[in-house]
Amino acid sequence: MMKRGLDERQDQLMAKIGAYSSYVMFFVSVVVIVAEVIWMGTFQAVIGETVIFLAGGLTSLAGCIKNGIWAKSGGDMGAGQSLLLSAVCSGIFSVFYAAALYHKTGGDVDVVRYAVMFFLGIGLLGFICLQILGRAAQKRRKEQENKYLE
């Protein structure tokens, strides 16, 4: 008799493949959006990619928060980890911002000053968002644990 469907191991493997594929699509879309904004200098050129990127990101984020998952380790992300992550991401996007600003203005403005302000603003915003979302996931996880204890 022929086997129908996937066994448990194959299901887990398919889930990992799907997750990896989502990560690749997510990061490729970020690179494409940033590259097109730098190259063309306008956000109108990337409206479609941005909508797709946001839809995927928000769906993933909502699913994680709803299920009480925030860090891949299964625990919580501490303030230090949130600060490091927000600083790294802010740094990367600040470089792209500086490149786009230089490309658009031809170097007529103080690009470094604006890039530093962008870095600080986005870094702070990212840190605050990470902390709020981490607390929301922690609250949801505790609610689920209490539900299953009853």
C-alpha atoms as a PDB file:
ATOM      1  CA  MET A   1       0.000   0.000   0.000  1.00  0.00           C
ATOM      2  CA  MET A   2       1.323   3.450  -0.943  1.00  0.00           C
ATOM      3  CA  LYS A   3       1.898   5.993   1.778  1.00  0.00           C
ATOM      4  CA  ARG A   4      -0.265   9.124   1.529  1.00  0.00           C
ATOM      5  CA  GLY A   5       0.843  12.476   2.854  1.00  0.00           C
ATOM      6  CA  LEU A   6       3.889  13.341   4.892  1.00  0.00           C
ATOM      7  CA  ASP A   7       5.036  11.805   8.142  1.00  0.00           C
ATOM      8  CA  GLU A   8       5.833  13.936  11.196  1.00  0.00           C
ATOM      9  CA  ARG A   9       9.519  14.331  10.330  1.00  0.00           C
ATOM     10  CA  GLN A  10       8.684  15.426   6.797  1.00  0.00           C
ATOM     11  CA  ASP A  11       6.081  17.896   8.146  1.00  0.00           C
ATOM     12  CA  GLN A  12       8.734  19.470  10.382  1.00  0.00           C
ATOM     13  CA  LEU A  13      11.180  19.605   7.491  1.00  0.00           C
ATOM     14  CA  MET A  14       8.581  21.299   5.292  1.00  0.00           C
ATOM     15  CA  ALA A  15       7.912  23.855   8.046  1.00  0.00           C
ATOM     16  CA  LYS A  16      11.650  24.628   8.247  1.00  0.00           C
ATOM     17  CA  ILE A  17      11.875  24.966   4.466  1.00  0.00           C
ATOM     18  CA  GLY A  18       8.867  27.307   4.475  1.00  0.00           C
ATOM     19  CA  ALA A  19      10.354  29.423   7.260  1.00  0.00           C
ATOM     20  CA  TYR A  20      13.710  29.654   5.492  1.00  0.00           C
ATOM     21  CA  SER A  21      11.977  30.614   2.248  1.00  0.00           C
ATOM     22  CA  SER A  22      10.058  33.353   4.057  1.00  0.00           C
ATOM     23  CA  TYR A  23      13.280  34.731   5.544  1.00  0.00           C
ATOM     24  CA  VAL A  24      14.910  34.821   2.118  1.00  0.00           C
ATOM     25  CA  MET A  25      11.913  36.580   0.523  1.00  0.00           C
ATOM     26  CA  PHE A  26      11.736  39.020   3.440  1.00  0.00           C
ATOM     27  CA  PHE A  27      15.396  40.064   3.243  1.00  0.00           C
ATOM     28  CA  VAL A  28      15.529  40.120  -0.553  1.00  0.00           C
ATOM     29  CA  SER A  29      12.517  42.445  -0.592  1.00  0.00           C
ATOM     30  CA  VAL A  30      14.279  44.778   1.891  1.00  0.00           C
ATOM     31  CA  VAL A  31      17.374  44.883  -0.304  1.00  0.00           C
ATOM     32  CA  VAL A  32      15.300  45.507  -3.444  1.00  0.00           C
ATOM     33  CA  ILE A  33      13.261  48.268  -1.802  1.00  0.00           C
ATOM     34  CA  VAL A  34      16.328  50.043  -0.448  1.00  0.00           C
ATOM     35  CA  ALA A  35      18.252  49.665  -3.715  1.00  0.00           C
ATOM     36  CA  GLU A  36      15.354  51.013  -5.792  1.00  0.00           C
ATOM     37  CA  VAL A  37      14.854  53.980  -3.460  1.00  0.00           C
ATOM     38  CA  ILE A  38      18.556  54.819  -3.653  1.00  0.00           C
ATOM     39  CA  TRP A  39      18.681  54.283  -7.408  1.00  0.00           C
ATOM     40  CA  MET A  40      15.436  56.044  -8.358  1.00  0.00           C
ATOM     41  CA  GLY A  41      15.185  58.432  -5.423  1.00  0.00           C
ATOM     42  CA  THR A  42      11.440  58.046  -4.982  1.00  0.00           C
ATOM     43  CA  PHE A  43       9.157  55.865  -2.902  1.00  0.00           C
ATOM     44  CA  GLN A  44       6.502  55.678  -5.623  1.00  0.00           C
ATOM     45  CA  ALA A  45       8.700  53.165  -7.434  1.00  0.00           C
ATOM     46  CA  VAL A  46       8.560  50.707  -4.536  1.00  0.00           C
ATOM     47  CA  ILE A  47       4.954  50.914  -3.345  1.00  0.00           C
ATOM     48  CA  GLY A  48       4.140  47.343  -4.453  1.00  0.00           C
ATOM     49  CA  GLU A  49       7.225  45.795  -2.897  1.00  0.00           C
ATOM     50  CA  THR A  50       6.671  47.760   0.303  1.00  0.00           C
ATOM     51  CA  VAL A  51       3.069  46.574   0.634  1.00  0.00           C
ATOM     52  CA  ILE A  52       4.136  42.951   0.131  1.00  0.00           C
ATOM     53  CA  PHE A  53       7.016  43.357   2.594  1.00  0.00           C
ATOM     54  CA  LEU A  54       4.773  44.921   5.235  1.00  0.00           C
ATOM     55  CA  ALA A  55       2.039  42.315   4.759  1.00  0.00           C
ATOM     56  CA  GLY A  56       4.486  39.466   5.259  1.00  0.00           C
ATOM     57  CA  GLY A  57       6.249  41.118   8.171  1.00  0.00           C
ATOM     58  CA  LEU A  58       3.055  42.066   9.984  1.00  0.00           C
ATOM     59  CA  THR A  59       1.570  38.594   9.467  1.00  0.00           C
ATOM     60  CA  SER A  60       4.673  36.987  10.919  1.00  0.00           C
ATOM     61  CA  LEU A  61       4.793  39.460  13.798  1.00  0.00           C
ATOM     62  CA  ALA A  62       1.114  39.021  14.636  1.00  0.00           C
ATOM     63  CA  GLY A  63       1.446  35.227  14.582  1.00  0.00           C
ATOM     64  CA  CYS A  64       4.418  35.300  16.924  1.00  0.00           C
ATOM     65  CA  ILE A  65       2.846  37.732  19.389  1.00  0.00           C
ATOM     66  CA  LYS A  66      -0.473  35.870  19.336  1.00  0.00           C
ATOM     67  CA  ASN A  67       1.317  32.655  20.259  1.00  0.00           C
ATOM     68  CA  GLY A  68       3.559  34.277  22.877  1.00  0.00           C
ATOM     69  CA  ILE A  69       6.758  33.789  20.898  1.00  0.00           C
ATOM     70  CA  TRP A  70       9.267  36.620  20.806  1.00  0.00           C
ATOM     71  CA  ALA A  71      12.811  35.275  20.830  1.00  0.00           C
ATOM     72  CA  LYS A  72      13.890  32.209  18.886  1.00  0.00           C
ATOM     73  CA  SER A  73      15.289  30.773  22.121  1.00  0.00           C
ATOM     74  CA  GLY A  74      11.732  30.615  23.464  1.00  0.00           C
ATOM     75  CA  GLY A  75      12.486  33.099  26.228  1.00  0.00           C
ATOM     76  CA  ASP A  76      12.405  36.847  26.335  1.00  0.00           C
ATOM     77  CA  MET A  77      14.747  39.298  24.681  1.00  0.00           C
ATOM     78  CA  GLY A  78      16.451  41.424  27.327  1.00  0.00           C
ATOM     79  CA  ALA A  79      16.946  45.168  27.146  1.00  0.00           C
ATOM     80  CA  GLY A  80      20.581  44.679  26.118  1.00  0.00           C
ATOM     81  CA  GLN A  81      19.631  42.376  23.256  1.00  0.00           C
ATOM     82  CA  SER A  82      16.910  44.803  22.129  1.00  0.00           C
ATOM     83  CA  LEU A  83      19.368  47.694  22.261  1.00  0.00           C
ATOM     84  CA  LEU A  84      21.968  45.763  20.257  1.00  0.00           C
ATOM     85  CA  LEU A  85      19.444  44.653  17.636  1.00  0.00           C
ATOM     86  CA  SER A  86      17.996  48.136  17.244  1.00  0.00           C
ATOM     87  CA  ALA A  87      21.496  49.654  17.000  1.00  0.00           C
ATOM     88  CA  VAL A  88      22.631  47.158  14.353  1.00  0.00           C
ATOM     89  CA  CYS A  89      19.485  47.572  12.240  1.00  0.00           C
ATOM     90  CA  SER A  90      19.534  51.340  12.686  1.00  0.00           C
ATOM     91  CA  GLY A  91      23.189  51.408  11.645  1.00  0.00           C
ATOM     92  CA  ILE A  92      22.533  49.413   8.498  1.00  0.00           C
ATOM     93  CA  PHE A  93      19.579  51.550   7.466  1.00  0.00           C
ATOM     94  CA  SER A  94      21.450  54.748   8.347  1.00  0.00           C
ATOM     95  CA  VAL A  95      24.131  53.814   5.814  1.00  0.00           C
ATOM     96  CA  PHE A  96      21.442  53.295   3.163  1.00  0.00           C
ATOM     97  CA  TYR A  97      19.757  56.547   4.197  1.00  0.00           C
ATOM     98  CA  ALA A  98      23.043  58.442   3.902  1.00  0.00           C
ATOM     99  CA  ALA A  99      23.671  56.937   0.469  1.00  0.00           C
ATOM    100  CA  ALA A 100      20.179  57.844  -0.716  1.00  0.00           C
ATOM    101  CA  LEU A 101      20.482  61.362   0.703  1.00  0.00           C
ATOM    102  CA  TYR A 102      23.869  61.885  -0.919  1.00  0.00           C
ATOM    103  CA  HIS A 103      22.599  60.524  -4.242  1.00  0.00           C
ATOM    104  CA  LYS A 104      19.500  62.732  -4.145  1.00  0.00           C
ATOM    105  CA  THR A 105      21.215  65.964  -3.011  1.00  0.00           C
ATOM    106  CA  GLY A 106      24.561  65.506  -4.696  1.00  0.00           C
ATOM    107  CA  GLY A 107      26.325  66.111  -1.393  1.00  0.00           C
ATOM    108  CA  ASP A 108      24.939  69.649  -0.973  1.00  0.00           C
ATOM    109  CA  VAL A 109      23.746  68.920   2.594  1.00  0.00           C
ATOM    110  CA  ASP A 110      25.521  67.690   5.702  1.00  0.00           C
ATOM    111  CA  VAL A 111      24.818  63.996   5.074  1.00  0.00           C
ATOM    112  CA  VAL A 112      26.681  62.799   8.168  1.00  0.00           C
ATOM    113  CA  ARG A 113      24.623  64.981  10.505  1.00  0.00           C
ATOM    114  CA  TYR A 114      21.348  63.797   9.001  1.00  0.00           C
ATOM    115  CA  ALA A 115      22.514  60.170   9.029  1.00  0.00           C
ATOM    116  CA  VAL A 116      23.448  60.418  12.725  1.00  0.00           C
ATOM    117  CA  MET A 117      20.060  61.969  13.563  1.00  0.00           C
ATOM    118  CA  PHE A 118      18.384  59.203  11.542  1.00  0.00           C
ATOM    119  CA  PHE A 119      20.448  56.568  13.371  1.00  0.00           C
ATOM    120  CA  LEU A 120      19.499  57.918  16.790  1.00  0.00           C
ATOM    121  CA  GLY A 121      15.819  58.347  15.932  1.00  0.00           C
ATOM    122  CA  ILE A 122      15.375  54.955  14.293  1.00  0.00           C
ATOM    123  CA  GLY A 123      17.483  53.257  16.960  1.00  0.00           C
ATOM    124  CA  LEU A 124      15.328  54.690  19.744  1.00  0.00           C
ATOM    125  CA  LEU A 125      12.100  53.897  17.903  1.00  0.00           C
ATOM    126  CA  GLY A 126      13.295  50.347  17.205  1.00  0.00           C
ATOM    127  CA  PHE A 127      14.291  49.802  20.832  1.00  0.00           C
ATOM    128  CA  ILE A 128      10.920  51.036  22.111  1.00  0.00           C
ATOM    129  CA  CYS A 129       9.035  48.855  19.626  1.00  0.00           C
ATOM    130  CA  LEU A 130      11.094  45.786  20.535  1.00  0.00           C
ATOM    131  CA  GLN A 131      10.420  46.337  24.226  1.00  0.00           C
ATOM    132  CA  ILE A 132       6.667  46.843  23.736  1.00  0.00           C
ATOM    133  CA  LEU A 133       6.323  43.818  21.464  1.00  0.00           C
ATOM    134  CA  GLY A 134       8.434  41.690  23.819  1.00  0.00           C
ATOM    135  CA  ARG A 135       6.182  42.590  26.723  1.00  0.00           C
ATOM    136  CA  ALA A 136       3.078  41.826  24.650  1.00  0.00           C
ATOM    137  CA  ALA A 137       4.464  38.388  23.739  1.00  0.00           C
ATOM    138  CA  GLN A 138       5.417  37.724  27.360  1.00  0.00           C
ATOM    139  CA  LYS A 139       1.903  38.649  28.527  1.00  0.00           C
ATOM    140  CA  ARG A 140       0.322  36.410  25.903  1.00  0.00           C
ATOM    141  CA  ARG A 141       2.638  33.509  26.798  1.00  0.00           C
ATOM    142  CA  LYS A 142       1.689  33.815  30.473  1.00  0.00           C
ATOM    143  CA  GLU A 143      -2.005  33.873  29.557  1.00  0.00           C
ATOM    144  CA  GLN A 144      -1.564  30.677  27.559  1.00  0.00           C
ATOM    145  CA  GLU A 145       0.377  28.984  30.360  1.00  0.00           C
ATOM    146  CA  ASN A 146      -2.323  29.901  32.880  1.00  0.00           C
ATOM    147  CA  LYS A 147      -4.996  28.629  30.495  1.00  0.00           C
ATOM    148  CA  TYR A 148      -3.307  25.244  30.172  1.00  0.00           C
ATOM    149  CA  LEU A 149      -2.691  24.968  33.919  1.00  0.00           C
ATOM    150  CA  GLU A 150      -6.420  25.199  34.628  1.00  0.00           C
END
